[in-house]
Protein backbone atom coordinates (compact mmCIF):
# COMPACT_ATOMS: atom_id res chain seq x y z
CA UNK A 1 -23.79 -0.34 17.21
CA UNK A 2 -24.33 -1.12 13.39
CA UNK A 3 -20.95 0.49 12.12
CA UNK A 4 -19.28 -1.77 14.52
CA UNK A 5 -20.88 -4.95 13.40
CA UNK A 6 -19.88 -4.18 10.08
CA UNK A 7 -16.43 -3.27 11.16
CA UNK A 8 -16.46 -6.90 12.87
CA UNK A 9 -17.92 -8.67 9.77
CA UNK A 10 -15.11 -6.79 7.37
CA UNK A 11 -12.51 -8.14 9.75
CA UNK A 12 -14.04 -11.72 9.86
CA UNK A 13 -14.21 -11.60 6.00
CA UNK A 14 -10.76 -10.47 5.59
CA UNK A 15 -9.16 -13.31 8.09
CA UNK A 16 -11.47 -15.90 6.26
CA UNK A 17 -10.02 -14.72 2.81
CA UNK A 18 -6.36 -15.36 4.17
CA UNK A 19 -7.12 -18.64 5.94
CA UNK A 20 -8.50 -19.98 2.62
CA UNK A 21 -5.88 -18.70 0.34
CA UNK A 22 -3.41 -20.13 3.00
CA UNK A 23 -5.61 -23.40 2.62
CA UNK A 24 -5.28 -23.24 -0.97
CA UNK A 25 -1.74 -22.80 -0.85
CA UNK A 26 -1.35 -25.80 1.50
CA UNK A 27 -3.01 -28.10 -0.74
CA UNK A 28 -1.09 -27.02 -3.74
CA UNK A 29 1.98 -27.80 -1.47
CA UNK A 30 1.07 -31.41 -0.61
CA UNK A 31 0.33 -31.94 -4.29
CA UNK A 32 3.67 -30.79 -5.78
CA UNK A 33 6.16 -30.88 -3.12
CA UNK A 34 8.09 -33.93 -1.93
CA UNK A 35 8.50 -32.34 1.50
CA UNK A 36 5.31 -30.40 2.12
CA UNK A 37 6.20 -30.24 5.92
CA UNK A 38 9.30 -28.80 5.65
CA UNK A 39 7.90 -26.36 3.12
CA UNK A 40 5.21 -25.33 5.17
CA UNK A 41 7.70 -24.80 8.08
CA UNK A 42 9.72 -22.23 5.98
CA UNK A 43 6.39 -20.45 4.53
CA UNK A 44 4.73 -20.08 7.88
CA UNK A 45 7.23 -20.47 10.75
CA UNK A 46 10.61 -19.84 10.23
CA UNK A 47 10.03 -16.13 9.41
CA UNK A 48 9.01 -15.21 12.85
CA UNK A 49 11.36 -17.49 14.63
CA UNK A 50 14.64 -16.48 13.27
CA UNK A 51 15.73 -12.88 14.18
CA UNK A 52 17.45 -12.58 10.92
CA UNK A 53 14.32 -12.93 8.92
CA UNK A 54 12.24 -11.09 11.23
CA UNK A 55 14.16 -7.86 10.45
CA UNK A 56 13.96 -8.93 6.63
CA UNK A 57 10.01 -8.68 7.35
CA UNK A 58 10.54 -5.18 8.87
CA UNK A 59 12.79 -4.33 5.84
CA UNK A 60 10.23 -5.10 2.91
CA UNK A 61 7.72 -3.66 5.18
CA UNK A 62 8.98 -0.05 4.47
CA UNK A 63 8.00 0.45 1.00
CA UNK A 64 4.85 -1.66 1.40
CA UNK A 65 3.38 0.80 3.92
CA UNK A 66 3.82 3.79 1.73
CA UNK A 67 2.62 2.23 -1.77
CA UNK A 68 -0.44 0.63 0.50
CA UNK A 69 -1.00 4.24 2.20
CA UNK A 70 -1.20 5.95 -1.21
CA UNK A 71 -3.56 3.29 -3.30
CA UNK A 72 -5.75 3.56 0.05
CA UNK A 73 -6.35 7.34 -0.64
CA UNK A 74 -6.92 6.78 -4.30
CA UNK A 75 -9.21 3.81 -3.53
CA UNK A 76 -11.09 5.89 -1.00
CA UNK A 77 -12.51 8.23 -3.91
CA UNK A 78 -13.16 5.09 -5.85
CA UNK A 79 -10.21 6.05 -8.39
CA UNK A 80 -8.29 2.76 -9.68
CA UNK A 81 -5.22 4.53 -10.35
CA UNK A 82 -2.50 1.96 -10.90
CA UNK A 83 0.47 4.31 -11.44
CA UNK A 84 1.63 3.46 -8.07
CA UNK A 85 4.05 0.81 -9.49
CA UNK A 86 5.67 3.72 -11.78
CA UNK A 87 5.61 6.29 -8.95
CA UNK A 88 7.69 3.93 -6.70
CA UNK A 89 10.30 3.67 -9.50
CA UNK A 90 10.30 7.42 -10.57
CA UNK A 91 10.65 8.46 -6.59
CA UNK A 92 13.57 6.13 -6.41
CA UNK A 93 15.29 7.33 -9.43
CA UNK A 94 14.61 11.12 -8.92
CA UNK A 95 16.09 10.74 -5.13
CA UNK A 96 18.92 8.56 -6.41
CA UNK A 97 20.24 11.44 -8.87
CA UNK A 98 19.79 13.92 -6.23
CA UNK A 99 21.87 11.58 -3.37
CA UNK A 100 24.56 11.49 -6.03
CA UNK A 101 24.71 14.79 -7.61
CA UNK A 102 23.58 17.73 -5.02
CA UNK A 103 26.17 18.91 -2.54
CA UNK A 104 24.38 19.16 0.70
CA UNK A 105 25.37 18.65 4.42
CA UNK A 106 24.02 15.99 6.67
CA UNK A 107 20.12 15.55 7.23
CA UNK A 108 19.27 18.09 4.96
CA UNK A 109 20.65 16.12 1.93
CA UNK A 110 18.14 13.16 2.66
CA UNK A 111 15.24 15.44 3.28
CA UNK A 112 15.79 17.17 0.16
CA UNK A 113 16.55 14.25 -1.95
CA UNK A 114 13.00 12.45 -0.83
CA UNK A 115 11.08 15.76 -1.21
CA UNK A 116 12.61 16.23 -4.80
CA UNK A 117 11.31 12.40 -5.58
CA UNK A 118 8.04 13.08 -3.89
CA UNK A 119 7.55 16.22 -5.92
CA UNK A 120 8.55 14.22 -9.42
CA UNK A 121 6.01 11.70 -8.53
CA UNK A 122 3.18 14.38 -8.09
CA UNK A 123 4.03 15.94 -11.27
CA UNK A 124 3.78 12.59 -13.05
CA UNK A 125 0.42 11.61 -11.44
CA UNK A 126 -1.20 14.82 -12.87
CA UNK A 127 -1.21 12.88 -16.54
CA UNK A 128 -3.76 10.04 -15.76
CA UNK A 129 -5.69 12.40 -13.13
CA UNK A 130 -5.73 15.05 -15.79
CA UNK A 131 -6.49 12.84 -18.74
CA UNK A 132 -9.73 11.31 -17.11
CA UNK A 133 -10.82 14.83 -16.10
CA UNK A 134 -10.55 16.90 -18.92
CA UNK A 135 -11.12 14.04 -21.85
CA UNK A 136 -12.72 11.18 -19.89
CA UNK A 137 -9.59 8.94 -20.45
CA UNK A 138 -9.86 5.87 -18.38
CA UNK A 139 -7.56 6.14 -15.27
CA UNK A 140 -6.97 2.40 -15.14
CA UNK A 141 -5.48 2.49 -18.52
CA UNK A 142 -3.64 5.33 -18.79
CA UNK A 143 -1.82 4.65 -15.34
CA UNK A 144 -0.93 1.44 -16.44
CA UNK A 145 0.48 2.83 -19.14
CA UNK A 146 2.19 5.44 -17.16
CA UNK A 147 4.24 2.69 -15.27
CA UNK A 148 6.04 1.54 -18.12
CA UNK A 149 6.74 5.06 -19.85
CA UNK A 150 8.30 6.06 -16.22
CA UNK A 151 10.28 2.74 -16.33
CA UNK A 152 11.82 3.32 -20.15
CA UNK A 153 12.52 6.94 -19.51
CA UNK A 154 14.42 5.99 -16.25
CA UNK A 155 16.17 3.60 -18.29
CA UNK A 156 17.19 5.63 -21.07
CA UNK A 157 18.58 8.28 -18.77
CA UNK A 158 20.14 5.83 -16.73
CA UNK A 159 21.93 4.20 -19.96
CA UNK A 160 23.11 7.06 -21.78
CA UNK A 161 23.67 9.83 -19.13
CA UNK A 162 23.94 8.69 -15.34
CA UNK A 163 25.39 5.29 -15.68
CA UNK A 164 28.99 4.33 -13.72
CA UNK A 165 30.92 2.64 -16.81
CA UNK A 166 33.63 1.31 -14.56
CA UNK A 167 30.87 -1.33 -13.05
CA UNK A 168 29.94 -4.72 -14.55
CA UNK A 169 26.56 -4.30 -14.55
CA UNK A 170 24.05 -1.23 -15.20
CA UNK A 171 24.23 0.99 -12.34
CA UNK A 172 24.46 4.56 -10.92
CA UNK A 173 27.49 6.25 -9.41
CA UNK A 174 27.39 5.79 -5.75
CA UNK A 175 25.42 8.07 -3.64
CA UNK A 176 27.39 10.44 -1.10
CA UNK A 177 27.02 9.34 2.54
CA UNK A 178 25.10 12.16 3.86
CA UNK A 179 22.28 11.37 1.61
CA UNK A 180 22.01 8.00 2.97
CA UNK A 181 19.19 6.88 5.65
CA UNK A 182 21.12 5.44 8.77
CA UNK A 183 19.94 1.96 10.31
CA UNK A 184 17.50 1.71 12.86
CA UNK A 185 18.75 -1.73 13.95
CA UNK A 186 22.65 -2.69 13.87
CA UNK A 187 23.60 -5.33 11.57
CA UNK A 188 20.50 -5.35 9.34
CA UNK A 189 19.05 -3.33 6.55
CA UNK A 190 16.09 -1.91 8.62
CA UNK A 191 16.33 1.82 8.23
CA UNK A 192 14.74 4.59 9.82
CA UNK A 193 12.43 4.57 6.99
CA UNK A 194 10.36 2.18 8.89
CA UNK A 195 9.64 4.81 11.73
CA UNK A 196 9.02 7.40 8.56
CA UNK A 197 6.22 4.90 7.24
CA UNK A 198 4.62 4.48 10.75
CA UNK A 199 4.61 8.84 11.03
CA UNK A 200 3.16 8.56 7.49
CA UNK A 201 0.28 6.12 8.70
CA UNK A 202 -0.89 8.62 11.50
CA UNK A 203 -0.62 11.77 9.13
CA UNK A 204 -2.74 10.12 6.50
CA UNK A 205 -5.33 8.61 9.16
CA UNK A 206 -5.67 12.11 10.31
CA UNK A 207 -5.84 13.57 6.86
CA UNK A 208 -8.50 11.13 5.68
CA UNK A 209 -10.64 10.82 8.89
CA UNK A 210 -9.99 14.51 10.57
CA UNK A 211 -9.88 16.58 7.49
CA UNK A 212 -12.71 18.18 5.44
CA UNK A 213 -10.52 17.20 2.39
CA UNK A 214 -10.49 13.39 3.62
CA UNK A 215 -14.15 13.91 4.35
CA UNK A 216 -14.94 14.65 0.75
CA UNK A 217 -12.74 12.08 -0.79
CA UNK A 218 -14.50 9.41 1.29
CA UNK A 219 -17.95 10.78 0.30
CA UNK A 220 -16.94 11.02 -3.25
CA UNK A 221 -15.78 7.54 -3.18
CA UNK A 222 -19.36 6.35 -1.56
CA UNK A 223 -21.49 8.32 -4.03
CA UNK A 224 -19.66 10.94 -6.38
CA UNK A 225 -23.44 11.81 -7.97
CA UNK A 226 -24.61 13.03 -4.47
CA UNK A 227 -21.05 14.72 -3.72
CA UNK A 228 -21.68 16.94 -7.15
CA UNK A 229 -25.12 17.85 -5.87
CA UNK A 230 -24.06 18.74 -2.59
CA UNK A 231 -21.61 21.28 -4.04
CA UNK A 232 -18.12 19.55 -3.72
CA UNK A 233 -15.51 20.29 -6.06
CA UNK A 234 -15.22 16.69 -7.21
CA UNK A 235 -12.98 17.08 -10.14
CA UNK A 236 -10.37 19.02 -8.11
CA UNK A 237 -10.38 16.40 -5.28
CA UNK A 238 -10.41 13.60 -7.39
CA UNK A 239 -7.19 14.87 -9.08
CA UNK A 240 -6.02 15.94 -5.42
CA UNK A 241 -6.34 12.09 -4.21
CA UNK A 242 -4.43 10.82 -7.01
CA UNK A 243 -1.70 13.29 -6.76
CA UNK A 244 -1.25 12.49 -3.28
CA UNK A 245 -1.46 8.91 -3.63
CA UNK A 246 1.36 9.13 -6.16
CA UNK A 247 3.53 11.19 -3.89
CA UNK A 248 3.28 8.72 -1.16
CA UNK A 249 4.41 6.05 -3.36
CA UNK A 250 7.10 8.01 -4.57
CA UNK A 251 8.06 8.68 -0.90
CA UNK A 252 8.36 4.91 -0.57
CA UNK A 253 10.51 4.66 -3.44
CA UNK A 254 12.33 7.31 -2.06
CA UNK A 255 12.81 5.97 1.28
CA UNK A 256 13.88 2.50 0.16
CA UNK A 257 16.40 3.45 -2.33
CA UNK A 258 18.32 5.75 0.30
CA UNK A 259 17.77 3.53 3.28
CA UNK A 260 18.79 0.09 1.48
CA UNK A 261 20.95 0.60 -1.41
CA UNK A 262 23.97 2.75 -2.06
CA UNK A 263 23.89 2.73 -5.88
CA UNK A 264 20.46 3.24 -8.24
CA UNK A 265 20.36 -0.47 -9.64
CA UNK A 266 16.74 -1.05 -10.70
CA UNK A 267 16.29 -1.88 -14.30
CA UNK A 268 12.55 -3.28 -14.21
CA UNK A 269 9.55 -2.30 -11.99
CA UNK A 270 9.96 -3.38 -8.29
CA UNK A 271 6.69 -4.81 -7.89
CA UNK A 272 5.99 -2.40 -4.70
CA UNK A 273 3.00 -0.68 -5.97
CA UNK A 274 1.25 -3.81 -7.26
CA UNK A 275 1.60 -5.02 -3.64
CA UNK A 276 0.46 -1.80 -2.34
CA UNK A 277 -3.05 -2.79 -4.16
CA UNK A 278 -3.07 -5.94 -2.02
CA UNK A 279 -2.47 -3.92 0.94
CA UNK A 280 -5.17 -1.66 0.22
CA UNK A 281 -7.53 -4.32 -0.49
CA UNK A 282 -6.60 -6.26 3.05
CA UNK A 283 -6.60 -3.01 4.83
CA UNK A 284 -9.95 -1.99 3.41
CA UNK A 285 -8.78 1.40 2.32
CA UNK A 286 -7.95 2.32 6.01
CA UNK A 287 -4.65 3.77 6.89
CA UNK A 288 -4.82 2.36 10.15
CA UNK A 289 -4.50 -1.15 9.11
CA UNK A 290 -2.02 -0.84 6.35
CA UNK A 291 1.13 -1.82 8.42
CA UNK A 292 -0.67 -4.92 9.65
CA UNK A 293 -1.42 -5.73 5.92
CA UNK A 294 2.18 -4.75 4.89
CA UNK A 295 3.60 -6.99 7.72
CA UNK A 296 1.23 -10.00 6.59
CA UNK A 297 2.34 -9.38 2.95
CA UNK A 298 6.37 -9.00 3.70
CA UNK A 299 5.79 -12.00 6.01
CA UNK A 300 4.18 -14.14 2.99
CA UNK A 301 6.83 -13.15 0.67
CA UNK A 302 9.63 -13.72 3.05
CA UNK A 303 8.25 -17.29 3.84
CA UNK A 304 7.86 -17.80 0.12
CA UNK A 305 11.62 -17.05 -0.58
CA UNK A 306 13.07 -19.44 2.21
CA UNK A 307 10.53 -22.09 1.17
CA UNK A 308 11.98 -21.68 -2.55
CA UNK A 309 15.96 -21.80 -1.17
CA UNK A 310 15.13 -24.67 1.37
CA UNK A 311 12.64 -26.91 -0.67
CA UNK A 312 11.42 -27.69 -3.99
CA UNK A 313 8.35 -25.25 -3.96
CA UNK A 314 8.99 -22.04 -6.20
CA UNK A 315 8.41 -18.75 -4.65
CA UNK A 316 5.71 -18.30 -7.24
CA UNK A 317 3.51 -19.42 -4.40
CA UNK A 318 3.10 -15.99 -3.33
CA UNK A 319 1.15 -14.81 -6.03
CA UNK A 320 -1.27 -18.01 -5.63
CA UNK A 321 -1.81 -16.76 -2.17
CA UNK A 322 -2.66 -12.97 -3.66
CA UNK A 323 -4.75 -14.23 -6.38
CA UNK A 324 -6.90 -16.49 -3.93
CA UNK A 325 -7.28 -13.67 -1.66
CA UNK A 326 -8.12 -11.21 -4.30
CA UNK A 327 -10.62 -13.46 -5.66
CA UNK A 328 -12.50 -13.77 -2.33
CA UNK A 329 -12.31 -10.32 -1.48
CA UNK A 330 -13.81 -9.39 -5.24
CA UNK A 331 -16.77 -12.48 -4.73
CA UNK A 332 -19.85 -10.44 -3.52
CA UNK A 333 -21.35 -13.22 -2.18
CA UNK A 334 -18.51 -14.62 -0.04
CA UNK A 335 -20.11 -14.71 3.49
CA UNK A 336 -23.06 -12.57 2.55
CA UNK A 337 -25.56 -14.74 4.44
CA UNK A 338 -23.39 -14.11 7.46
CA UNK A 339 -23.47 -10.18 6.91
CA UNK A 340 -27.34 -10.33 5.86
CA UNK A 341 -27.88 -11.76 9.52
CA UNK A 342 -25.74 -9.26 10.83
CA UNK A 343 -27.89 -6.26 9.33
CA UNK A 344 -31.22 -7.89 10.06
CA UNK A 345 -30.21 -8.20 13.83
CA UNK A 346 -29.14 -4.80 13.98
CA UNK A 347 -32.33 -3.68 12.31
CA UNK A 348 -34.40 -5.60 14.76
CA UNK A 349 -32.67 -4.11 17.68
CA UNK A 350 -33.36 -0.69 16.47
CA UNK A 351 -36.86 -1.22 16.24
CA UNK A 352 -37.22 -2.68 19.11
CA UNK A 353 -35.64 -0.14 21.12
CA UNK A 354 -37.96 2.46 22.51
CA UNK A 355 -37.51 5.98 21.47
CA UNK A 356 -36.16 8.62 23.60
CA UNK A 357 -39.65 10.45 23.84
CA UNK A 358 -40.88 6.79 25.49
CA UNK A 359 -38.40 6.66 27.79
CA UNK A 360 -38.11 10.09 28.95
CA UNK A 361 -39.49 10.92 32.36
CA UNK A 362 -42.93 12.78 32.33
CA UNK A 363 -42.76 16.28 34.13
CA UNK A 364 -44.90 16.14 37.42
CA UNK A 365 -48.18 18.24 36.86
CA UNK A 366 -49.09 20.24 40.14
CA UNK A 367 -52.72 20.86 41.12
């Protein structure tokens, strides 16, 4: 009963933070825009009323689901590793090279390209994980630095080794047709990567809540010292959760690259990893809620883009909304009184509930 109330409280707190963020954005729109009603229409209503815009939301969700899952696993172990952003780019870059140069048939080409990108990200994520385990280096600092190392190494190889010089901009050669992920919805860019993402949601949920490794990850996140005293191999599990998180983010980059593009064109960090942090916070590190959080963020992104195109409000309004959501999720006293009442009510009910011994039927004694 208490856990149910805590779950309800978490949902109410999340919805309240989102509503407050949208309310702040609404106030700013009314202050800055000459046509606030039109701006709000394109922000909140247009993305779900036009089929083409709705397909755009699904397209945007694909990499966000993977990065959200990766960050959820790392945050569940209380590891603030932020290298998901770099892993998205690395997974995309390595899978793109495989899509260009590996001579493989049909579906096998897609699978191998994705898996090689995923493996590269797992190896890269060992760097901040082992630096923290062996030298005590800050995971947050080393992972942030790793993002830009990955970016500039990829740009170097793209510029001097793999660029197609016949094109007017910096990009790779075309991918082979056998390496492309097919479209799930005709006349849209929504690929079968969406289904792959949903499958990964199920797999990660089972991993976190139905395996001993997932249990260890969650227990370490709750109390690492207790996990050490209970005999868990904390160092190995902490490294494992970061590697798995990086591999999931890299899979998102690979699926996005092979499902949406026909050449590698990224020349900066794509931003999906940072959005994955927001999704993990909205989902409360629960993989089951990641698709909902990804849908919400993709919906806002599409609305902000449409609003910036059709009205005088810039697309950076999305960053304002995200910042306010972060602020209220980080505020410990936000709805604290409501949570206190829930805890007190649950405790009083448990105290008033009769024990099993008192309610048990006494056996009859024969004379």
